[in-house]
Amino acid sequence: MAQFMDLRAFILRARVLKFYRQALRITRQAPEHARDELRQTVRVEIEKNRHCDDKAKIRFLISEGLQRLKGLDEMLDMTGRS
């Protein structure tokens, strides 16, 4: 039988997926020699917390990840994107 999520869990899952897609888009802007490593790092970080059920921790991880993405995006802007 299928397990259904409550609305808050569904919205939180959507935020995680949005964050993941955003992270992958930013890695596309990195220099070619660094893209694969960045994609791998993003995937490992997401997979590491895949089975986390604590909604507060998930929100914290999303906000922390967004800060790290912002830093990466700014760094890529300074170095000149490929």
N, C-alpha and C. Protein backbone atom coordinates (compact mmCIF):
# COMPACT_ATOMS: atom_id res chain seq x y z
N MET A 1 0.84 -1.18 0.00
CA MET A 1 0.00 0.00 0.00
C MET A 1 0.89 1.25 0.00
N ALA A 2 0.49 2.22 -0.73
CA ALA A 2 1.27 3.46 -0.85
C ALA A 2 1.20 4.26 0.45
N GLN A 3 2.33 4.86 0.80
CA GLN A 3 2.38 5.71 1.98
C GLN A 3 2.19 7.16 1.54
N PHE A 4 1.24 7.85 2.15
CA PHE A 4 0.95 9.22 1.77
C PHE A 4 1.62 10.19 2.73
N MET A 5 2.08 11.31 2.18
CA MET A 5 2.71 12.35 2.99
C MET A 5 1.66 13.38 3.39
N ASP A 6 1.88 13.98 4.54
CA ASP A 6 1.02 15.11 4.89
C ASP A 6 1.46 16.31 4.06
N LEU A 7 0.68 17.36 4.07
CA LEU A 7 0.94 18.52 3.22
C LEU A 7 2.29 19.16 3.52
N ARG A 8 2.64 19.28 4.79
CA ARG A 8 3.93 19.91 5.15
C ARG A 8 5.10 19.09 4.64
N ALA A 9 5.01 17.77 4.76
CA ALA A 9 6.09 16.92 4.26
C ALA A 9 6.19 17.02 2.74
N PHE A 10 5.06 17.11 2.07
CA PHE A 10 5.04 17.24 0.61
C PHE A 10 5.71 18.55 0.18
N ILE A 11 5.37 19.63 0.87
CA ILE A 11 5.95 20.94 0.54
C ILE A 11 7.45 20.95 0.83
N LEU A 12 7.85 20.33 1.93
CA LEU A 12 9.26 20.26 2.28
C LEU A 12 10.04 19.44 1.24
N ARG A 13 9.44 18.35 0.78
CA ARG A 13 10.06 17.52 -0.26
C ARG A 13 10.24 18.35 -1.54
N ALA A 14 9.23 19.13 -1.88
CA ALA A 14 9.32 19.99 -3.06
C ALA A 14 10.44 21.01 -2.92
N ARG A 15 10.62 21.55 -1.71
CA ARG A 15 11.72 22.50 -1.47
C ARG A 15 13.08 21.84 -1.64
N VAL A 16 13.20 20.61 -1.16
CA VAL A 16 14.46 19.88 -1.31
C VAL A 16 14.76 19.63 -2.79
N LEU A 17 13.76 19.20 -3.54
CA LEU A 17 13.96 18.95 -4.96
C LEU A 17 14.30 20.24 -5.72
N LYS A 18 13.65 21.33 -5.34
CA LYS A 18 13.96 22.63 -5.96
C LYS A 18 15.40 23.03 -5.67
N PHE A 19 15.83 22.83 -4.42
CA PHE A 19 17.21 23.13 -4.04
C PHE A 19 18.19 22.28 -4.85
N TYR A 20 17.89 20.99 -5.00
CA TYR A 20 18.76 20.08 -5.74
C TYR A 20 18.89 20.53 -7.20
N ARG A 21 17.77 20.85 -7.83
CA ARG A 21 17.82 21.32 -9.23
C ARG A 21 18.62 22.62 -9.35
N GLN A 22 18.41 23.53 -8.39
CA GLN A 22 19.14 24.79 -8.40
C GLN A 22 20.65 24.53 -8.27
N ALA A 23 21.02 23.61 -7.39
CA ALA A 23 22.44 23.29 -7.20
C ALA A 23 23.03 22.72 -8.49
N LEU A 24 22.29 21.84 -9.16
CA LEU A 24 22.79 21.27 -10.41
C LEU A 24 22.92 22.34 -11.50
N ARG A 25 22.01 23.29 -11.52
CA ARG A 25 22.12 24.38 -12.51
C ARG A 25 23.37 25.21 -12.27
N ILE A 26 23.66 25.48 -11.02
CA ILE A 26 24.85 26.28 -10.70
C ILE A 26 26.12 25.51 -11.07
N THR A 27 26.13 24.19 -10.89
CA THR A 27 27.33 23.43 -11.25
C THR A 27 27.59 23.48 -12.75
N ARG A 28 26.53 23.66 -13.54
CA ARG A 28 26.72 23.77 -14.99
C ARG A 28 27.50 25.02 -15.37
N GLN A 29 27.51 26.01 -14.49
CA GLN A 29 28.19 27.26 -14.78
C GLN A 29 29.65 27.24 -14.33
N ALA A 30 30.06 26.17 -13.67
CA ALA A 30 31.44 26.06 -13.20
C ALA A 30 32.36 25.72 -14.37
N PRO A 31 33.66 25.93 -14.19
CA PRO A 31 34.60 25.53 -15.24
C PRO A 31 34.47 24.03 -15.52
N GLU A 32 34.69 23.68 -16.76
CA GLU A 32 34.45 22.31 -17.22
C GLU A 32 35.20 21.26 -16.38
N HIS A 33 36.43 21.57 -15.98
CA HIS A 33 37.22 20.59 -15.24
C HIS A 33 36.70 20.36 -13.82
N ALA A 34 35.84 21.25 -13.32
CA ALA A 34 35.35 21.13 -11.94
C ALA A 34 33.89 20.66 -11.86
N ARG A 35 33.21 20.60 -12.99
CA ARG A 35 31.77 20.29 -12.97
C ARG A 35 31.45 18.92 -12.38
N ASP A 36 32.15 17.90 -12.84
CA ASP A 36 31.85 16.55 -12.36
C ASP A 36 32.05 16.43 -10.86
N GLU A 37 33.12 17.02 -10.37
CA GLU A 37 33.39 16.96 -8.93
C GLU A 37 32.30 17.71 -8.13
N LEU A 38 31.88 18.85 -8.64
CA LEU A 38 30.82 19.61 -7.97
C LEU A 38 29.50 18.84 -7.97
N ARG A 39 29.15 18.25 -9.11
CA ARG A 39 27.92 17.45 -9.18
C ARG A 39 27.97 16.29 -8.20
N GLN A 40 29.12 15.64 -8.14
CA GLN A 40 29.29 14.51 -7.22
C GLN A 40 29.14 14.97 -5.78
N THR A 41 29.72 16.12 -5.45
CA THR A 41 29.62 16.65 -4.09
C THR A 41 28.17 16.97 -3.73
N VAL A 42 27.45 17.59 -4.65
CA VAL A 42 26.04 17.91 -4.41
C VAL A 42 25.25 16.62 -4.17
N ARG A 43 25.46 15.65 -5.01
CA ARG A 43 24.72 14.38 -4.89
C ARG A 43 25.04 13.68 -3.57
N VAL A 44 26.31 13.64 -3.18
CA VAL A 44 26.70 12.99 -1.93
C VAL A 44 26.04 13.68 -0.73
N GLU A 45 26.03 15.02 -0.75
CA GLU A 45 25.42 15.76 0.36
C GLU A 45 23.92 15.50 0.44
N ILE A 46 23.25 15.43 -0.69
CA ILE A 46 21.81 15.15 -0.69
C ILE A 46 21.56 13.71 -0.22
N GLU A 47 22.31 12.77 -0.76
CA GLU A 47 22.13 11.36 -0.40
C GLU A 47 22.44 11.09 1.07
N LYS A 48 23.38 11.84 1.62
CA LYS A 48 23.77 11.64 3.01
C LYS A 48 22.59 11.87 3.96
N ASN A 49 21.69 12.75 3.58
CA ASN A 49 20.55 13.08 4.43
C ASN A 49 19.22 12.63 3.83
N ARG A 50 19.28 11.69 2.93
CA ARG A 50 18.09 11.25 2.21
C ARG A 50 16.99 10.71 3.13
N HIS A 51 17.36 9.99 4.16
CA HIS A 51 16.38 9.33 5.01
C HIS A 51 16.09 10.12 6.29
N CYS A 52 16.45 11.37 6.32
CA CYS A 52 16.18 12.22 7.48
C CYS A 52 14.67 12.53 7.53
N ASP A 53 14.07 12.28 8.68
CA ASP A 53 12.64 12.54 8.85
C ASP A 53 12.34 13.76 9.71
N ASP A 54 13.37 14.33 10.30
CA ASP A 54 13.21 15.49 11.17
C ASP A 54 13.01 16.74 10.32
N LYS A 55 11.79 17.28 10.34
CA LYS A 55 11.47 18.41 9.47
C LYS A 55 12.28 19.65 9.80
N ALA A 56 12.57 19.86 11.09
CA ALA A 56 13.37 21.03 11.47
C ALA A 56 14.79 20.89 10.93
N LYS A 57 15.35 19.70 11.00
CA LYS A 57 16.70 19.47 10.48
C LYS A 57 16.73 19.65 8.97
N ILE A 58 15.70 19.18 8.29
CA ILE A 58 15.63 19.33 6.83
C ILE A 58 15.59 20.80 6.46
N ARG A 59 14.77 21.58 7.16
CA ARG A 59 14.71 23.04 6.89
C ARG A 59 16.07 23.68 7.14
N PHE A 60 16.75 23.26 8.22
CA PHE A 60 18.08 23.79 8.51
C PHE A 60 19.06 23.43 7.39
N LEU A 61 19.01 22.18 6.93
CA LEU A 61 19.93 21.75 5.87
C LEU A 61 19.67 22.51 4.57
N ILE A 62 18.40 22.77 4.27
CA ILE A 62 18.08 23.55 3.07
C ILE A 62 18.64 24.95 3.18
N SER A 63 18.44 25.61 4.33
CA SER A 63 18.94 26.98 4.47
C SER A 63 20.46 27.02 4.44
N GLU A 64 21.10 26.03 5.07
CA GLU A 64 22.57 25.95 5.02
C GLU A 64 23.05 25.71 3.59
N GLY A 65 22.37 24.83 2.89
CA GLY A 65 22.73 24.55 1.50
C GLY A 65 22.55 25.76 0.61
N LEU A 66 21.48 26.52 0.82
CA LEU A 66 21.26 27.72 0.03
C LEU A 66 22.37 28.75 0.26
N GLN A 67 22.83 28.87 1.50
CA GLN A 67 23.94 29.78 1.79
C GLN A 67 25.20 29.32 1.07
N ARG A 68 25.46 28.02 1.09
CA ARG A 68 26.65 27.51 0.41
C ARG A 68 26.55 27.70 -1.10
N LEU A 69 25.34 27.51 -1.65
CA LEU A 69 25.14 27.73 -3.08
C LEU A 69 25.35 29.20 -3.45
N LYS A 70 24.87 30.08 -2.60
CA LYS A 70 25.05 31.51 -2.85
C LYS A 70 26.54 31.85 -2.88
N GLY A 71 27.29 31.28 -1.94
CA GLY A 71 28.74 31.50 -1.93
C GLY A 71 29.40 30.96 -3.18
N LEU A 72 28.99 29.77 -3.61
CA LEU A 72 29.54 29.18 -4.83
C LEU A 72 29.20 30.03 -6.04
N ASP A 73 27.97 30.48 -6.11
CA ASP A 73 27.54 31.31 -7.23
C ASP A 73 28.34 32.61 -7.29
N GLU A 74 28.56 33.22 -6.14
CA GLU A 74 29.34 34.46 -6.10
C GLU A 74 30.79 34.20 -6.50
N MET A 75 31.34 33.07 -6.05
CA MET A 75 32.71 32.73 -6.40
C MET A 75 32.83 32.50 -7.91
N LEU A 76 31.84 31.83 -8.49
CA LEU A 76 31.87 31.60 -9.93
C LEU A 76 31.75 32.91 -10.70
N ASP A 77 30.99 33.86 -10.15
CA ASP A 77 30.87 35.19 -10.79
C ASP A 77 32.22 35.90 -10.79
N MET A 78 32.95 35.77 -9.68
CA MET A 78 34.26 36.45 -9.58
C MET A 78 35.31 35.84 -10.50
N THR A 79 35.23 34.51 -10.68
CA THR A 79 36.25 33.84 -11.49
C THR A 79 35.91 33.87 -12.97
N GLY A 80 34.68 34.23 -13.30
CA GLY A 80 34.27 34.23 -14.71
C GLY A 80 33.75 32.86 -15.07
N ARG A 81 32.52 32.82 -15.48
CA ARG A 81 31.86 31.54 -15.77
C ARG A 81 32.27 31.02 -17.12
N SER A 82 32.19 29.69 -17.24
CA SER A 82 32.52 29.05 -18.53
C SER A 82 31.33 29.02 -19.45
